[in-house]
Amino acid sequence: MVLIAKRLEAGQFRWPAIRDGVIRLTPAQLSALVEGLDWTRVRGVRVPRPTSAG
């Protein structure tokens, strides 16, 4: 559990929907939220798993 306090210069946090009493965010989305950015615009990039060369 993490408790974060942040003073916003303007506006407010845009929180994700609560489902089953839980807010789910990816690490990148949480980082954007803490920085005061629009976390809904953060998308994960799929990186293919490396295969062996042998």
PDB file of N, CA and C in Angstrom:
ATOM      1  N   MET A   1       0.851  -1.157   0.000  1.00  0.00           N
ATOM      2  CA  MET A   1       0.000   0.000   0.000  1.00  0.00           C
ATOM      3  C   MET A   1       0.901   1.225   0.000  1.00  0.00           C
ATOM      4  N   VAL A   2       0.505   2.213  -0.775  1.00  0.00           N
ATOM      5  CA  VAL A   2       1.278   3.447  -0.894  1.00  0.00           C
ATOM      6  C   VAL A   2       0.338   4.619  -0.687  1.00  0.00           C
ATOM      7  N   LEU A   3       0.786   5.579   0.088  1.00  0.00           N
ATOM      8  CA  LEU A   3       0.023   6.808   0.280  1.00  0.00           C
ATOM      9  C   LEU A   3       0.840   7.932  -0.327  1.00  0.00           C
ATOM     10  N   ILE A   4       0.243   8.648  -1.274  1.00  0.00           N
ATOM     11  CA  ILE A   4       0.940   9.730  -1.957  1.00  0.00           C
ATOM     12  C   ILE A   4       0.118  10.996  -1.805  1.00  0.00           C
ATOM     13  N   ALA A   5       0.784  12.082  -1.436  1.00  0.00           N
ATOM     14  CA  ALA A   5       0.130  13.381  -1.368  1.00  0.00           C
ATOM     15  C   ALA A   5       0.798  14.286  -2.391  1.00  0.00           C
ATOM     16  N   LYS A   6      -0.003  14.973  -3.175  1.00  0.00           N
ATOM     17  CA  LYS A   6       0.537  15.852  -4.205  1.00  0.00           C
ATOM     18  C   LYS A   6      -0.379  17.056  -4.337  1.00  0.00           C
ATOM     19  N   ARG A   7       0.213  18.214  -4.354  1.00  0.00           N
ATOM     20  CA  ARG A   7      -0.563  19.435  -4.546  1.00  0.00           C
ATOM     21  C   ARG A   7      -0.588  19.765  -6.035  1.00  0.00           C
ATOM     22  N   LEU A   8      -1.759  19.892  -6.574  1.00  0.00           N
ATOM     23  CA  LEU A   8      -1.905  20.215  -7.989  1.00  0.00           C
ATOM     24  C   LEU A   8      -1.884  21.731  -8.162  1.00  0.00           C
ATOM     25  N   GLU A   9      -1.215  22.178  -9.200  1.00  0.00           N
ATOM     26  CA  GLU A   9      -1.174  23.607  -9.491  1.00  0.00           C
ATOM     27  C   GLU A   9      -2.530  24.087 -10.022  1.00  0.00           C
ATOM     28  N   ALA A  10      -3.173  23.236 -10.803  1.00  0.00           N
ATOM     29  CA  ALA A  10      -4.490  23.574 -11.350  1.00  0.00           C
ATOM     30  C   ALA A  10      -5.223  22.281 -11.655  1.00  0.00           C
ATOM     31  N   GLY A  11      -6.515  22.315 -11.546  1.00  0.00           N
ATOM     32  CA  GLY A  11      -7.307  21.139 -11.910  1.00  0.00           C
ATOM     33  C   GLY A  11      -7.335  20.084 -10.829  1.00  0.00           C
ATOM     34  N   GLN A  12      -7.518  18.859 -11.277  1.00  0.00           N
ATOM     35  CA  GLN A  12      -7.641  17.749 -10.346  1.00  0.00           C
ATOM     36  C   GLN A  12      -7.146  16.479 -11.004  1.00  0.00           C
ATOM     37  N   PHE A  13      -6.916  15.480 -10.181  1.00  0.00           N
ATOM     38  CA  PHE A  13      -6.548  14.183 -10.722  1.00  0.00           C
ATOM     39  C   PHE A  13      -7.732  13.601 -11.469  1.00  0.00           C
ATOM     40  N   ARG A  14      -7.452  12.905 -12.527  1.00  0.00           N
ATOM     41  CA  ARG A  14      -8.481  12.185 -13.267  1.00  0.00           C
ATOM     42  C   ARG A  14      -8.331  10.718 -12.884  1.00  0.00           C
ATOM     43  N   TRP A  15      -9.210  10.235 -12.022  1.00  0.00           N
ATOM     44  CA  TRP A  15      -9.089   8.897 -11.463  1.00  0.00           C
ATOM     45  C   TRP A  15      -9.737   7.855 -12.357  1.00  0.00           C
ATOM     46  N   PRO A  16      -9.187   6.664 -12.388  1.00  0.00           N
ATOM     47  CA  PRO A  16      -9.813   5.558 -13.126  1.00  0.00           C
ATOM     48  C   PRO A  16     -11.054   5.059 -12.392  1.00  0.00           C
ATOM     49  N   ALA A  17     -11.844   4.293 -13.096  1.00  0.00           N
ATOM     50  CA  ALA A  17     -13.055   3.736 -12.495  1.00  0.00           C
ATOM     51  C   ALA A  17     -12.698   2.725 -11.414  1.00  0.00           C
ATOM     52  N   ILE A  18     -13.529   2.658 -10.405  1.00  0.00           N
ATOM     53  CA  ILE A  18     -13.357   1.672  -9.340  1.00  0.00           C
ATOM     54  C   ILE A  18     -14.232   0.477  -9.673  1.00  0.00           C
ATOM     55  N   ARG A  19     -13.601  -0.696  -9.778  1.00  0.00           N
ATOM     56  CA  ARG A  19     -14.339  -1.928 -10.073  1.00  0.00           C
ATOM     57  C   ARG A  19     -14.044  -2.930  -8.972  1.00  0.00           C
ATOM     58  N   ASP A  20     -15.089  -3.455  -8.392  1.00  0.00           N
ATOM     59  CA  ASP A  20     -14.962  -4.412  -7.288  1.00  0.00           C
ATOM     60  C   ASP A  20     -14.148  -3.827  -6.142  1.00  0.00           C
ATOM     61  N   GLY A  21     -14.256  -2.508  -5.949  1.00  0.00           N
ATOM     62  CA  GLY A  21     -13.557  -1.843  -4.857  1.00  0.00           C
ATOM     63  C   GLY A  21     -12.075  -1.639  -5.105  1.00  0.00           C
ATOM     64  N   VAL A  22     -11.617  -1.803  -6.360  1.00  0.00           N
ATOM     65  CA  VAL A  22     -10.189  -1.715  -6.675  1.00  0.00           C
ATOM     66  C   VAL A  22      -9.972  -0.793  -7.870  1.00  0.00           C
ATOM     67  N   ILE A  23      -8.932   0.034  -7.799  1.00  0.00           N
ATOM     68  CA  ILE A  23      -8.488   0.832  -8.931  1.00  0.00           C
ATOM     69  C   ILE A  23      -7.275   0.124  -9.511  1.00  0.00           C
ATOM     70  N   ARG A  24      -7.316  -0.175 -10.805  1.00  0.00           N
ATOM     71  CA  ARG A  24      -6.201  -0.875 -11.445  1.00  0.00           C
ATOM     72  C   ARG A  24      -5.503   0.051 -12.431  1.00  0.00           C
ATOM     73  N   LEU A  25      -4.187   0.195 -12.253  1.00  0.00           N
ATOM     74  CA  LEU A  25      -3.358   0.994 -13.144  1.00  0.00           C
ATOM     75  C   LEU A  25      -2.076   0.234 -13.443  1.00  0.00           C
ATOM     76  N   THR A  26      -1.536   0.453 -14.625  1.00  0.00           N
ATOM     77  CA  THR A  26      -0.217  -0.093 -14.916  1.00  0.00           C
ATOM     78  C   THR A  26       0.813   0.808 -14.232  1.00  0.00           C
ATOM     79  N   PRO A  27       2.058   0.343 -14.078  1.00  0.00           N
ATOM     80  CA  PRO A  27       3.093   1.212 -13.494  1.00  0.00           C
ATOM     81  C   PRO A  27       3.248   2.524 -14.269  1.00  0.00           C
ATOM     82  N   ALA A  28       3.169   2.474 -15.597  1.00  0.00           N
ATOM     83  CA  ALA A  28       3.306   3.689 -16.403  1.00  0.00           C
ATOM     84  C   ALA A  28       2.136   4.643 -16.159  1.00  0.00           C
ATOM     85  N   GLN A  29       0.927   4.096 -16.032  1.00  0.00           N
ATOM     86  CA  GLN A  29      -0.242   4.931 -15.776  1.00  0.00           C
ATOM     87  C   GLN A  29      -0.150   5.579 -14.396  1.00  0.00           C
ATOM     88  N   LEU A  30       0.309   4.833 -13.395  1.00  0.00           N
ATOM     89  CA  LEU A  30       0.473   5.392 -12.052  1.00  0.00           C
ATOM     90  C   LEU A  30       1.500   6.511 -12.071  1.00  0.00           C
ATOM     91  N   SER A  31       2.596   6.310 -12.774  1.00  0.00           N
ATOM     92  CA  SER A  31       3.629   7.344 -12.872  1.00  0.00           C
ATOM     93  C   SER A  31       3.062   8.614 -13.494  1.00  0.00           C
ATOM     94  N   ALA A  32       2.294   8.458 -14.569  1.00  0.00           N
ATOM     95  CA  ALA A  32       1.680   9.618 -15.220  1.00  0.00           C
ATOM     96  C   ALA A  32       0.708  10.315 -14.280  1.00  0.00           C
ATOM     97  N   LEU A  33      -0.081   9.549 -13.544  1.00  0.00           N
ATOM     98  CA  LEU A  33      -1.044  10.116 -12.609  1.00  0.00           C
ATOM     99  C   LEU A  33      -0.338  10.936 -11.531  1.00  0.00           C
ATOM    100  N   VAL A  34       0.741  10.398 -10.975  1.00  0.00           N
ATOM    101  CA  VAL A  34       1.492  11.090  -9.924  1.00  0.00           C
ATOM    102  C   VAL A  34       2.136  12.365 -10.474  1.00  0.00           C
ATOM    103  N   GLU A  35       2.553  12.336 -11.729  1.00  0.00           N
ATOM    104  CA  GLU A  35       3.162  13.518 -12.352  1.00  0.00           C
ATOM    105  C   GLU A  35       2.119  14.559 -12.753  1.00  0.00           C
ATOM    106  N   GLY A  36       0.840  14.211 -12.628  1.00  0.00           N
ATOM    107  CA  GLY A  36      -0.216  15.148 -12.980  1.00  0.00           C
ATOM    108  C   GLY A  36      -0.572  15.118 -14.459  1.00  0.00           C
ATOM    109  N   LEU A  37      -0.115  14.079 -15.160  1.00  0.00           N
ATOM    110  CA  LEU A  37      -0.407  13.933 -16.584  1.00  0.00           C
ATOM    111  C   LEU A  37      -1.711  13.159 -16.775  1.00  0.00           C
ATOM    112  N   ASP A  38      -2.214  13.170 -17.973  1.00  0.00           N
ATOM    113  CA  ASP A  38      -3.431  12.428 -18.285  1.00  0.00           C
ATOM    114  C   ASP A  38      -3.068  10.950 -18.469  1.00  0.00           C
ATOM    115  N   TRP A  39      -3.290  10.150 -17.454  1.00  0.00           N
ATOM    116  CA  TRP A  39      -2.891   8.742 -17.478  1.00  0.00           C
ATOM    117  C   TRP A  39      -3.656   7.942 -18.526  1.00  0.00           C
ATOM    118  N   THR A  40      -4.805   8.461 -18.975  1.00  0.00           N
ATOM    119  CA  THR A  40      -5.589   7.721 -19.961  1.00  0.00           C
ATOM    120  C   THR A  40      -4.913   7.715 -21.328  1.00  0.00           C
ATOM    121  N   ARG A  41      -3.959   8.610 -21.532  1.00  0.00           N
ATOM    122  CA  ARG A  41      -3.250   8.670 -22.816  1.00  0.00           C
ATOM    123  C   ARG A  41      -2.007   7.798 -22.826  1.00  0.00           C
ATOM    124  N   VAL A  42      -1.690   7.180 -21.693  1.00  0.00           N
ATOM    125  CA  VAL A  42      -0.509   6.316 -21.591  1.00  0.00           C
ATOM    126  C   VAL A  42      -0.878   4.923 -22.082  1.00  0.00           C
ATOM    127  N   ARG A  43      -0.126   4.422 -23.017  1.00  0.00           N
ATOM    128  CA  ARG A  43      -0.369   3.094 -23.569  1.00  0.00           C
ATOM    129  C   ARG A  43       0.905   2.269 -23.447  1.00  0.00           C
ATOM    130  N   GLY A  44       0.732   1.033 -23.122  1.00  0.00           N
ATOM    131  CA  GLY A  44       1.866   0.130 -23.048  1.00  0.00           C
ATOM    132  C   GLY A  44       2.331  -0.252 -24.441  1.00  0.00           C
ATOM    133  N   VAL A  45       3.594  -0.511 -24.560  1.00  0.00           N
ATOM    134  CA  VAL A  45       4.160  -0.940 -25.830  1.00  0.00           C
ATOM    135  C   VAL A  45       4.525  -2.407 -25.689  1.00  0.00           C
ATOM    136  N   ARG A  46       3.999  -3.230 -26.561  1.00  0.00           N
ATOM    137  CA  ARG A  46       4.334  -4.642 -26.515  1.00  0.00           C
ATOM    138  C   ARG A  46       5.696  -4.867 -27.159  1.00  0.00           C
ATOM    139  N   VAL A  47       6.553  -5.502 -26.405  1.00  0.00           N
ATOM    140  CA  VAL A  47       7.896  -5.817 -26.882  1.00  0.00           C
ATOM    141  C   VAL A  47       7.948  -7.329 -27.058  1.00  0.00           C
ATOM    142  N   PRO A  48       8.277  -7.786 -28.263  1.00  0.00           N
ATOM    143  CA  PRO A  48       8.319  -9.230 -28.470  1.00  0.00           C
ATOM    144  C   PRO A  48       9.403  -9.875 -27.616  1.00  0.00           C
ATOM    145  N   ARG A  49       9.081 -11.030 -27.095  1.00  0.00           N
ATOM    146  CA  ARG A  49      10.024 -11.769 -26.284  1.00  0.00           C
ATOM    147  C   ARG A  49      11.159 -12.279 -27.174  1.00  0.00           C
ATOM    148  N   PRO A  50      12.408 -12.099 -26.755  1.00  0.00           N
ATOM    149  CA  PRO A  50      13.518 -12.567 -27.583  1.00  0.00           C
ATOM    150  C   PRO A  50      13.506 -14.085 -27.732  1.00  0.00           C
ATOM    151  N   THR A  51      13.940 -14.525 -28.887  1.00  0.00           N
ATOM    152  CA  THR A  51      14.053 -15.964 -29.125  1.00  0.00           C
ATOM    153  C   THR A  51      15.521 -16.333 -29.154  1.00  0.00           C
ATOM    154  N   SER A  52      15.790 -17.580 -28.900  1.00  0.00           N
ATOM    155  CA  SER A  52      17.184 -18.018 -28.907  1.00  0.00           C
ATOM    156  C   SER A  52      17.722 -18.045 -30.346  1.00  0.00           C
ATOM    157  N   ALA A  53      18.994 -17.726 -30.480  1.00  0.00           N
ATOM    158  CA  ALA A  53      19.600 -17.666 -31.801  1.00  0.00           C
ATOM    159  C   ALA A  53      20.141 -19.023 -32.222  1.00  0.00           C
ATOM    160  N   GLY A  54      20.114 -19.984 -31.315  1.00  0.00           N
ATOM    161  CA  GLY A  54      20.738 -21.263 -31.597  1.00  0.00           C
ATOM    162  C   GLY A  54      19.822 -22.243 -32.141  1.00  0.00           C
TER     163      GLY A  54
END
